[in-house]
Amino acid sequence: SSWGLREIFHRVTSSHGGDRGARLILIAPVISGLVVQLPQHCVLTMEEPESKKQINEECIINRLPGDLIERIFFRLPVSTLLTCRGVCKQWQNFIRDPQFAASHLQLAPSYALLFFPQGLVSGVLYPSDAILIDEAWSPSTCAVPVIGPDDFLFGSCNGLLGSYTKTSTIKIANLATGECLHLEKPSKNVKGDHYCFYSFGFHPVTKEYKITHFLGDCVNGRPHNKDRFNIIQVYTLGDEKWKDIRTPEPLSLISVRNSGVVNVDGKMYWLTEDMLVSWQHAVISFDLSEESFATIQLPAEREDQDRYGPRKFWIREMHGKICILTAQPSRYDPRALLGELQIWTLENTVEQQRWSKKYNIKNPPNYIPGPHSVHRDRIMTQLYNSVCSYELFSENFEIDLSKKLKLFDSKPRWMYNMQSYIVVKSLVSLDVYKKAGIVRRPKQQVGWELKKWKAWEDKRREAEDIRYRVHKHEHALFVCWPNCY
């Protein structure tokens, strides 16, 4: 017969067994909460025959029904599950099971990840950095360890981050476990290549992860027509090489860079210029499974002009749907917004695709980041030297700047350069793809370091302090030198 759950709770919270006791204590609160949810016939008395107490020590939790163990593990965060893998072989196999990882992923809470690419600010080179915003809208106080100072983020999918590096590799990293897969770029030494020409997506039917690259027209590695492309390079994680997919016609590379790329339900979407309709914008979709293209016209009711002049269009993802943002850009900075901001969402049904106007926002924020602009019914923005969020109330409303939720001070980060992603922490393993690349794991599970921006700033200040002391010493020697004769 099984041990009583209250006895199990008592045994789990005890510290005998060395590290095992310390590891098991992590799940004691979960077990305690589940005891009261069980039917009465499942809860046995705490008094057990003395003979049972003499049974050789083993992992007591494994005596619970399998479905109850699964319920316990589903409620644990990834950081705790990584520790639980070291308790026993049975737990390790259970947690490493791809089916468990996929089921745990469906219940994982989402976070907003705000990324700031490397760049010069007032002549000083600052590294790439990222900040996580939790469920309580609190920014992380530590750096994201899988994002290096020279990395440029181009995609997020199921807890995996895709990064472009200045070397000859692309990095796919698990945000929670720290595993990194390094892959060769599809084209080496291509001048004008940029991280915004890469994208990272997942197809829910084939279960395949794919990286895409918009390859500009080149001759011998040199741009032939820097404004156009007619090849998309595609790599499926686990394959041995990239393959080229030719587009139906030459498409605008500038539109890709200016409006962004999103991945939803196994398809990649971006804006381009529709030559058949007086060079107006249209949405191009690329199916990651069939590797085929389709064109979606923008809503006919949209406004291409307002009192400030022509509107600009961006493509974003909002709550798992494609959306188009349109507003009048500032004449001084095309990334800053003026006038009214309209947000249209694409409704996909079996019968047809239909656009609907979701929001019409007066007095919008200066800048709307992408590819995910909205997190839990709040729109994120970078306003001057602050990163803020505003609640989306109804279809038509005016933003009250006094009611913004300030998340953190964005200094010294560059204005209008922030990217936003909706991410989760998952157990998705990169081991199955290692034959085509190099998988690196963290040597040990440690806490995240200080923010890279702060560490970088401290290092710069230390160097300035050393230069100041050297200069002061040299000045003192110069003043004292004549007195020596």
Protein backbone atom coordinates (compact mmCIF):
# COMPACT_ATOMS: atom_id res chain seq x y z
CA SER A 1 0.00 0.00 0.00
CA SER A 2 1.05 3.63 -0.54
CA TRP A 3 2.39 5.79 2.19
CA GLY A 4 -0.01 8.40 3.56
CA LEU A 5 0.46 11.79 1.95
CA ARG A 6 0.85 13.51 5.30
CA GLU A 7 3.62 11.09 6.16
CA ILE A 8 5.17 11.81 2.76
CA PHE A 9 4.99 15.54 3.45
CA HIS A 10 6.72 14.97 6.81
CA ARG A 11 9.44 12.86 5.20
CA VAL A 12 9.96 15.27 2.28
CA THR A 13 10.45 18.24 4.58
CA SER A 14 13.02 16.38 6.68
CA SER A 15 16.63 16.95 5.72
CA HIS A 16 17.97 13.40 6.02
CA GLY A 17 19.62 12.01 2.94
CA GLY A 18 22.09 14.86 2.34
CA ASP A 19 21.46 16.77 -0.87
CA ARG A 20 18.35 14.74 -1.59
CA GLY A 21 16.57 16.21 1.41
CA ALA A 22 17.60 19.72 0.43
CA ARG A 23 16.30 19.18 -3.09
CA LEU A 24 13.02 17.58 -2.06
CA ILE A 25 12.16 20.41 0.30
CA LEU A 26 11.65 22.61 -2.75
CA ILE A 27 8.41 20.83 -3.66
CA ALA A 28 7.04 20.46 -0.13
CA PRO A 29 4.68 23.49 -0.41
CA VAL A 30 3.22 22.07 -3.62
CA ILE A 31 2.56 18.67 -2.02
CA SER A 32 1.07 20.34 1.03
CA GLY A 33 -1.36 22.27 -1.18
CA LEU A 34 -2.38 19.18 -3.13
CA VAL A 35 -3.14 17.08 -0.03
CA VAL A 36 -6.28 19.05 0.74
CA GLN A 37 -7.50 18.63 -2.85
CA LEU A 38 -7.44 14.81 -2.81
CA PRO A 39 -10.50 12.63 -2.08
CA GLN A 40 -10.66 11.39 1.48
CA HIS A 41 -9.97 7.76 0.51
CA CYS A 42 -6.58 8.78 -0.94
CA VAL A 43 -5.34 10.22 2.36
CA LEU A 44 -4.09 7.57 4.76
CA THR A 45 -3.33 7.93 8.43
CA MET A 46 0.06 9.04 9.64
CA GLU A 47 0.44 5.95 11.82
CA GLU A 48 2.28 3.27 9.86
CA PRO A 49 3.55 -0.12 11.01
CA GLU A 50 7.07 -0.07 12.35
CA SER A 51 8.08 -2.53 9.62
CA LYS A 52 7.36 0.07 6.92
CA LYS A 53 9.63 2.58 8.63
CA GLN A 54 12.46 0.08 8.27
CA ILE A 55 12.11 -0.10 4.48
CA ASN A 56 15.29 0.98 2.70
CA GLU A 57 15.38 4.65 1.89
CA GLU A 58 14.12 5.51 -1.60
CA CYS A 59 12.56 8.48 -3.35
CA ILE A 60 9.24 8.53 -1.48
CA ILE A 61 7.51 10.83 -3.94
CA ASN A 62 7.75 8.08 -6.55
CA ARG A 63 5.21 6.09 -4.51
CA LEU A 64 2.56 8.66 -5.42
CA PRO A 65 0.29 7.96 -8.41
CA GLY A 66 1.91 8.96 -11.69
CA ASP A 67 -0.75 11.52 -12.57
CA LEU A 68 -0.29 13.23 -9.19
CA ILE A 69 3.48 13.44 -9.70
CA GLU A 70 2.79 14.99 -13.09
CA ARG A 71 0.44 17.56 -11.53
CA ILE A 72 3.11 18.49 -9.01
CA PHE A 73 5.79 18.93 -11.65
CA PHE A 74 3.49 20.98 -13.89
CA ARG A 75 3.15 23.53 -11.09
CA LEU A 76 6.89 23.95 -10.60
CA PRO A 77 8.95 26.64 -12.38
CA VAL A 78 11.75 25.61 -14.72
CA SER A 79 14.43 26.65 -12.23
CA THR A 80 13.07 24.18 -9.65
CA LEU A 81 12.62 21.41 -12.22
CA LEU A 82 16.28 21.76 -13.20
CA THR A 83 17.17 21.09 -9.56
CA CYS A 84 14.70 18.19 -9.34
CA ARG A 85 16.44 16.45 -12.24
CA GLY A 86 19.32 15.70 -9.90
CA VAL A 87 17.18 13.95 -7.27
CA CYS A 88 16.97 10.55 -8.94
CA LYS A 89 17.15 8.92 -12.35
CA GLN A 90 13.37 8.48 -12.55
CA TRP A 91 12.80 12.20 -12.05
CA GLN A 92 15.50 13.05 -14.54
CA ASN A 93 13.92 10.85 -17.22
CA PHE A 94 10.46 12.22 -16.42
CA ILE A 95 11.49 15.88 -16.65
CA ARG A 96 13.66 15.34 -19.75
CA ASP A 97 10.78 13.69 -21.62
CA PRO A 98 9.96 15.92 -24.64
CA GLN A 99 6.24 15.29 -24.11
CA PHE A 100 6.46 16.60 -20.54
CA ALA A 101 8.45 19.63 -21.75
CA ALA A 102 5.76 20.38 -24.36
CA SER A 103 2.93 20.06 -21.82
CA HIS A 104 4.78 22.18 -19.23
CA LEU A 105 5.32 24.83 -21.91
CA GLN A 106 1.56 25.23 -22.41
CA LEU A 107 1.16 26.22 -18.73
CA ALA A 108 4.24 28.45 -18.50
CA PRO A 109 3.61 32.13 -17.62
CA SER A 110 4.71 34.73 -20.15
CA TYR A 111 7.12 37.59 -19.63
CA ALA A 112 8.00 40.69 -21.61
CA LEU A 113 11.64 40.77 -22.66
CA LEU A 114 12.88 44.23 -23.63
CA PHE A 115 16.06 44.17 -25.69
CA PHE A 116 18.48 47.02 -26.35
CA PRO A 117 21.02 46.35 -29.12
CA GLN A 118 24.65 47.34 -28.86
CA GLY A 119 25.32 50.91 -29.96
CA LEU A 120 27.18 54.16 -29.49
CA VAL A 121 25.77 56.69 -27.03
CA SER A 122 27.62 60.01 -26.82
CA GLY A 123 30.70 58.38 -28.32
CA VAL A 124 30.70 55.49 -25.82
CA LEU A 125 30.02 51.93 -27.02
CA TYR A 126 27.41 50.22 -24.85
CA PRO A 127 26.77 46.47 -25.01
CA SER A 128 23.56 44.67 -25.91
CA ASP A 129 21.31 44.17 -22.91
CA ALA A 130 17.91 42.72 -22.07
CA ILE A 131 15.49 43.17 -19.18
CA LEU A 132 12.66 40.81 -18.20
CA ILE A 133 9.31 42.20 -17.03
CA ASP A 134 7.51 39.74 -14.75
CA GLU A 135 3.80 39.16 -14.13
CA ALA A 136 3.73 42.01 -11.58
CA TRP A 137 5.28 44.41 -14.14
CA SER A 138 8.53 44.52 -12.19
CA PRO A 139 11.80 44.70 -14.19
CA SER A 140 14.52 42.16 -13.50
CA THR A 141 17.54 43.41 -11.56
CA CYS A 142 19.91 40.95 -13.24
CA ALA A 143 21.19 40.50 -16.76
CA VAL A 144 19.86 37.80 -19.06
CA PRO A 145 22.86 35.43 -19.15
CA VAL A 146 22.29 33.92 -22.62
CA ILE A 147 22.49 37.35 -24.30
CA GLY A 148 26.10 38.42 -24.79
CA PRO A 149 27.30 42.02 -25.11
CA ASP A 150 27.75 41.59 -28.89
CA ASP A 151 24.50 39.67 -29.56
CA PHE A 152 21.62 41.06 -31.61
CA LEU A 153 18.26 39.43 -30.90
CA PHE A 154 16.13 38.55 -33.93
CA GLY A 155 13.49 36.14 -32.60
CA SER A 156 11.88 34.33 -29.69
CA CYS A 157 9.95 31.07 -29.78
CA ASN A 158 8.92 28.59 -27.02
CA GLY A 159 11.58 29.82 -24.61
CA LEU A 160 14.33 29.85 -27.25
CA LEU A 161 16.04 33.08 -28.34
CA GLY A 162 17.66 33.59 -31.74
CA SER A 163 20.69 35.90 -31.81
CA TYR A 164 22.82 37.30 -34.61
CA THR A 165 26.51 37.71 -33.76
CA LYS A 166 29.30 39.61 -35.45
CA THR A 167 31.19 36.36 -35.91
CA SER A 168 30.31 33.67 -38.48
CA THR A 169 27.70 32.01 -36.25
CA ILE A 170 24.07 32.33 -35.24
CA LYS A 171 23.12 31.44 -31.66
CA ILE A 172 19.93 29.73 -30.50
CA ALA A 173 19.72 29.78 -26.69
CA ASN A 174 17.29 28.50 -24.09
CA LEU A 175 16.45 31.43 -21.83
CA ALA A 176 15.92 29.26 -18.72
CA THR A 177 18.41 26.39 -19.00
CA GLY A 178 21.28 28.36 -20.55
CA GLU A 179 21.86 25.82 -23.34
CA CYS A 180 23.23 27.43 -26.52
CA LEU A 181 23.34 26.05 -30.06
CA HIS A 182 25.85 27.72 -32.39
CA LEU A 183 25.19 27.44 -36.13
CA GLU A 184 27.02 28.70 -39.19
CA LYS A 185 25.50 31.66 -41.00
CA PRO A 186 24.04 30.90 -44.44
CA SER A 187 26.25 33.40 -46.25
CA LYS A 188 29.62 34.59 -45.04
CA ASN A 189 31.10 38.03 -45.63
CA VAL A 190 27.93 39.46 -47.16
CA LYS A 191 28.24 43.22 -46.99
CA GLY A 192 25.17 45.00 -45.72
CA ASP A 193 23.88 41.96 -43.79
CA HIS A 194 21.85 42.92 -40.71
CA TYR A 195 20.20 41.10 -37.82
CA CYS A 196 16.76 42.42 -38.81
CA PHE A 197 16.98 40.29 -41.99
CA TYR A 198 16.78 37.12 -39.83
CA SER A 199 13.72 35.57 -38.19
CA PHE A 200 12.98 32.54 -36.00
CA GLY A 201 9.75 30.55 -35.93
CA PHE A 202 8.06 27.27 -35.03
CA HIS A 203 5.46 25.24 -36.91
CA PRO A 204 2.86 23.72 -34.52
CA VAL A 205 2.06 20.78 -36.84
CA THR A 206 5.51 19.65 -37.98
CA LYS A 207 7.07 20.67 -34.61
CA GLU A 208 10.03 22.12 -36.53
CA TYR A 209 12.01 25.23 -35.62
CA LYS A 210 13.17 27.28 -38.59
CA ILE A 211 15.50 30.24 -39.09
CA THR A 212 14.95 32.42 -42.14
CA HIS A 213 17.25 34.96 -43.78
CA PHE A 214 16.29 37.60 -46.34
CA LEU A 215 19.23 37.55 -48.77
CA GLY A 216 19.70 40.81 -50.65
CA ASP A 217 20.65 40.65 -54.32
CA CYS A 218 24.41 40.01 -54.34
CA VAL A 219 27.18 39.36 -56.83
CA ASN A 220 30.31 37.75 -55.37
CA GLY A 221 29.26 38.76 -51.86
CA ARG A 222 28.70 42.40 -52.79
CA PRO A 223 25.23 43.97 -52.82
CA HIS A 224 23.88 44.18 -56.36
CA ASN A 225 20.60 45.85 -55.42
CA LYS A 226 20.57 46.66 -51.71
CA ASP A 227 16.88 47.55 -51.79
CA ARG A 228 15.52 44.25 -53.15
CA PHE A 229 15.68 40.50 -52.51
CA ASN A 230 14.37 37.44 -54.36
CA ILE A 231 15.74 34.63 -52.15
CA ILE A 232 14.84 33.58 -48.61
CA GLN A 233 17.36 31.23 -47.04
CA VAL A 234 15.76 28.68 -44.70
CA TYR A 235 17.36 26.45 -42.09
CA THR A 236 15.50 23.77 -40.11
CA LEU A 237 17.11 23.00 -36.75
CA GLY A 238 18.78 19.60 -37.06
CA ASP A 239 19.41 19.78 -40.81
CA GLU A 240 22.90 19.81 -42.26
CA LYS A 241 22.61 22.91 -44.44
CA TRP A 242 20.55 25.92 -45.44
CA LYS A 243 18.43 25.95 -48.56
CA ASP A 244 17.37 28.78 -50.85
CA ILE A 245 13.70 29.49 -51.57
CA ARG A 246 13.07 31.87 -54.47
CA THR A 247 10.32 34.46 -54.06
CA PRO A 248 7.61 34.80 -56.76
CA GLU A 249 9.01 38.24 -57.63
CA PRO A 250 11.64 40.67 -56.29
CA LEU A 251 10.49 42.13 -52.98
CA SER A 252 11.43 45.19 -50.93
CA LEU A 253 14.25 44.65 -48.44
CA ILE A 254 13.82 48.16 -47.08
CA SER A 255 10.21 47.35 -46.09
CA VAL A 256 11.45 44.32 -44.12
CA ARG A 257 13.90 46.46 -42.19
CA ASN A 258 11.48 49.32 -41.55
CA SER A 259 8.26 47.48 -40.70
CA GLY A 260 9.53 44.27 -39.02
CA VAL A 261 8.79 40.53 -39.25
CA VAL A 262 6.48 38.38 -37.07
CA ASN A 263 5.85 34.62 -36.78
CA VAL A 264 2.36 33.33 -35.93
CA ASP A 265 1.01 29.75 -36.17
CA GLY A 266 3.79 28.45 -38.39
CA LYS A 267 3.82 31.37 -40.83
CA MET A 268 6.15 34.34 -41.19
CA TYR A 269 4.64 37.71 -42.10
CA TRP A 270 6.14 40.99 -43.24
CA LEU A 271 5.11 44.13 -45.14
CA THR A 272 6.16 44.88 -48.70
CA GLU A 273 5.23 47.29 -51.47
CA ASP A 274 2.45 46.05 -53.73
CA MET A 275 3.45 47.09 -57.27
CA LEU A 276 0.01 46.19 -58.62
CA VAL A 277 -1.75 48.76 -56.43
CA SER A 278 0.26 51.94 -56.99
CA TRP A 279 3.08 50.79 -54.72
CA GLN A 280 0.88 50.54 -51.66
CA HIS A 281 1.75 48.20 -48.83
CA ALA A 282 0.66 44.56 -48.68
CA VAL A 283 1.36 41.69 -46.26
CA ILE A 284 3.42 38.74 -47.52
CA SER A 285 3.18 35.41 -45.68
CA PHE A 286 5.63 32.51 -45.87
CA ASP A 287 4.46 29.08 -44.68
CA LEU A 288 7.30 27.46 -42.72
CA SER A 289 6.04 23.94 -43.50
CA GLU A 290 5.06 24.17 -47.17
CA GLU A 291 7.66 26.92 -47.83
CA SER A 292 5.15 28.77 -50.00
CA PHE A 293 4.19 32.44 -50.32
CA ALA A 294 0.86 34.29 -50.22
CA THR A 295 -0.22 37.93 -50.38
CA ILE A 296 -2.75 39.57 -48.04
CA GLN A 297 -4.13 43.00 -48.92
CA LEU A 298 -4.35 45.59 -46.16
CA PRO A 299 -7.82 46.63 -44.90
CA ALA A 300 -9.65 48.70 -47.50
CA GLU A 301 -11.02 51.03 -44.80
CA ARG A 302 -7.59 52.09 -43.63
CA GLU A 303 -6.46 55.70 -43.83
CA ASP A 304 -3.31 56.29 -45.86
CA GLN A 305 -3.29 60.03 -45.16
CA ASP A 306 -4.07 62.29 -42.24
CA ARG A 307 -3.58 65.97 -41.53
CA TYR A 308 0.15 65.50 -41.01
CA GLY A 309 0.73 63.69 -44.32
CA PRO A 310 1.21 60.04 -45.42
CA ARG A 311 0.90 57.32 -42.81
CA LYS A 312 3.56 54.72 -42.11
CA PHE A 313 2.83 51.02 -41.50
CA TRP A 314 4.35 48.48 -39.12
CA ILE A 315 3.56 44.78 -38.63
CA ARG A 316 3.30 43.38 -35.10
CA GLU A 317 1.90 40.40 -33.18
CA MET A 318 -0.76 40.91 -30.52
CA HIS A 319 -2.26 38.05 -28.50
CA GLY A 320 -1.31 35.49 -31.16
CA LYS A 321 -2.73 37.52 -34.07
CA ILE A 322 -1.18 39.52 -36.87
CA CYS A 323 -1.77 43.24 -36.48
CA ILE A 324 -0.96 46.33 -38.50
CA LEU A 325 -0.04 49.60 -36.79
CA THR A 326 -0.39 52.77 -38.81
CA ALA A 327 0.40 56.34 -37.82
CA GLN A 328 2.00 59.51 -39.11
CA PRO A 329 5.77 59.55 -38.43
CA SER A 330 7.63 62.64 -37.31
CA ARG A 331 9.44 64.56 -40.03
CA TYR A 332 12.49 64.69 -37.76
CA ASP A 333 12.60 61.00 -36.81
CA PRO A 334 10.60 58.42 -38.85
CA ARG A 335 10.38 56.15 -35.78
CA ALA A 336 8.50 58.74 -33.69
CA LEU A 337 4.70 58.92 -34.01
CA LEU A 338 2.26 61.79 -34.48
CA GLY A 339 -1.52 62.08 -34.72
CA GLU A 340 -3.68 58.98 -34.22
CA LEU A 341 -2.43 55.41 -33.96
CA GLN A 342 -4.67 52.78 -35.58
CA ILE A 343 -4.26 49.06 -34.80
CA TRP A 344 -5.86 46.49 -37.14
CA THR A 345 -5.92 42.75 -36.39
CA LEU A 346 -6.25 39.92 -38.90
CA GLU A 347 -9.02 37.44 -38.10
CA ASN A 348 -8.28 34.03 -39.65
CA THR A 349 -11.34 31.85 -40.18
CA VAL A 350 -11.98 28.78 -42.31
CA GLU A 351 -14.04 30.84 -44.74
CA GLN A 352 -11.90 33.95 -45.09
CA GLN A 353 -9.35 36.36 -43.68
CA ARG A 354 -10.84 39.60 -42.39
CA TRP A 355 -9.28 42.75 -40.94
CA SER A 356 -10.93 44.51 -38.00
CA LYS A 357 -9.96 47.79 -36.37
CA LYS A 358 -9.00 46.94 -32.80
CA TYR A 359 -7.91 50.33 -31.46
CA ASN A 360 -7.91 53.97 -32.52
CA ILE A 361 -5.59 55.77 -30.10
CA LYS A 362 -5.31 59.53 -29.84
CA ASN A 363 -2.16 61.13 -28.43
CA PRO A 364 -0.14 57.88 -28.87
CA PRO A 365 3.28 57.29 -27.32
CA ASN A 366 6.32 58.47 -29.24
CA TYR A 367 7.56 54.99 -30.10
CA ILE A 368 5.99 51.51 -30.33
CA PRO A 369 8.55 48.67 -30.19
CA GLY A 370 8.17 45.31 -31.92
CA PRO A 371 7.61 42.57 -32.73
CA HIS A 372 5.32 42.25 -29.67
CA SER A 373 3.95 45.65 -28.71
CA VAL A 374 1.20 44.55 -26.30
CA HIS A 375 1.63 42.48 -23.15
CA ARG A 376 -1.45 41.54 -21.09
CA ASP A 377 -3.61 44.43 -22.38
CA ARG A 378 -0.94 47.07 -21.93
CA ILE A 379 0.98 48.66 -24.78
CA MET A 380 4.70 49.13 -24.18
CA THR A 381 6.69 52.13 -25.29
CA GLN A 382 9.91 54.03 -24.84
CA LEU A 383 9.09 57.62 -23.91
CA TYR A 384 12.12 59.91 -23.84
CA ASN A 385 14.34 58.45 -21.10
CA SER A 386 11.77 56.04 -19.66
CA VAL A 387 10.30 52.68 -20.60
CA CYS A 388 6.56 52.75 -19.84
CA SER A 389 3.31 50.91 -20.46
CA TYR A 390 -0.25 52.16 -20.96
CA GLU A 391 -3.51 50.29 -20.46
CA LEU A 392 -5.61 49.68 -23.58
CA PHE A 393 -9.15 50.67 -22.53
CA SER A 394 -11.50 50.49 -25.51
CA GLU A 395 -11.60 50.78 -29.29
CA ASN A 396 -11.46 54.59 -29.23
CA PHE A 397 -9.60 56.38 -26.47
CA GLU A 398 -6.96 58.98 -25.79
CA ILE A 399 -3.83 58.12 -23.87
CA ASP A 400 -3.36 60.12 -20.69
CA LEU A 401 0.38 60.52 -20.23
CA SER A 402 -0.10 61.12 -16.52
CA LYS A 403 -1.44 57.55 -16.13
CA LYS A 404 1.57 55.77 -17.58
CA LEU A 405 3.21 52.94 -15.65
CA LYS A 406 6.92 53.65 -15.61
CA LEU A 407 8.90 50.42 -15.68
CA PHE A 408 12.47 51.74 -15.49
CA ASP A 409 14.82 54.50 -16.58
CA SER A 410 16.17 53.75 -20.06
CA LYS A 411 19.33 55.87 -19.79
CA PRO A 412 21.88 55.63 -21.35
CA ARG A 413 20.18 53.46 -23.96
CA TRP A 414 19.56 54.88 -27.39
CA MET A 415 16.13 56.39 -28.02
CA TYR A 416 13.71 54.53 -30.31
CA ASN A 417 15.93 51.44 -30.50
CA MET A 418 14.18 49.07 -28.07
CA GLN A 419 12.72 45.71 -29.14
CA SER A 420 10.03 43.85 -27.19
CA TYR A 421 9.33 40.11 -27.14
CA ILE A 422 6.84 37.93 -25.28
CA VAL A 423 8.85 35.01 -23.87
CA VAL A 424 8.42 31.99 -21.61
CA LYS A 425 10.82 29.85 -19.61
CA SER A 426 10.79 26.32 -20.98
CA LEU A 427 12.53 22.93 -20.86
CA VAL A 428 12.93 22.69 -24.65
CA SER A 429 16.24 20.88 -25.17
CA LEU A 430 18.76 21.67 -27.92
CA ASP A 431 20.52 18.31 -27.63
CA VAL A 432 18.51 16.78 -30.46
CA TYR A 433 19.90 19.37 -32.87
CA LYS A 434 23.56 19.15 -31.88
CA LYS A 435 24.68 17.11 -34.92
CA ALA A 436 24.42 20.25 -37.05
CA GLY A 437 26.00 22.66 -34.58
CA ILE A 438 27.77 23.06 -31.27
CA VAL A 439 25.71 22.83 -28.08
CA ARG A 440 27.15 24.52 -25.03
CA ARG A 441 25.72 24.22 -21.55
CA PRO A 442 26.36 26.38 -18.49
CA LYS A 443 29.00 24.80 -16.27
CA GLN A 444 26.82 25.29 -13.23
CA GLN A 445 23.45 26.69 -12.28
CA VAL A 446 24.21 30.11 -10.81
CA GLY A 447 22.27 33.27 -10.24
CA TRP A 448 22.16 35.84 -12.99
CA GLU A 449 24.85 38.50 -12.87
CA LEU A 450 24.43 42.24 -12.52
CA LYS A 451 22.86 44.05 -15.42
CA LYS A 452 25.33 44.21 -18.28
CA TRP A 453 24.74 47.93 -18.61
CA LYS A 454 25.70 48.49 -14.98
CA ALA A 455 28.71 46.18 -15.18
CA TRP A 456 29.81 47.90 -18.38
CA GLU A 457 29.33 51.33 -16.83
CA ASP A 458 31.27 50.32 -13.68
CA LYS A 459 34.14 49.06 -15.85
CA ARG A 460 34.19 52.29 -17.84
CA ARG A 461 34.17 54.40 -14.67
CA GLU A 462 37.00 52.32 -13.24
CA ALA A 463 39.07 52.95 -16.37
CA GLU A 464 38.33 56.68 -16.17
CA ASP A 465 39.33 56.70 -12.51
CA ILE A 466 42.66 55.04 -13.36
CA ARG A 467 43.32 57.58 -16.13
CA TYR A 468 42.48 60.42 -13.72
CA ARG A 469 44.91 59.13 -11.07
CA VAL A 470 47.67 58.66 -13.66
CA HIS A 471 47.10 62.18 -14.98
CA LYS A 472 47.13 63.60 -11.44
CA HIS A 473 50.38 61.77 -10.66
CA GLU A 474 52.03 62.99 -13.88
CA HIS A 475 50.90 66.55 -13.12
CA ALA A 476 52.40 66.35 -9.62
CA LEU A 477 55.71 65.12 -11.06
CA PHE A 478 55.74 67.97 -13.59
CA VAL A 479 55.16 70.58 -10.85
CA CYS A 480 57.79 69.11 -8.56
CA TRP A 481 60.42 68.57 -11.28
CA PRO A 482 61.92 72.16 -11.31
CA ASN A 483 62.43 72.04 -7.51
CA CYS A 484 64.82 69.13 -7.95
CA TYR A 485 67.48 71.44 -9.49
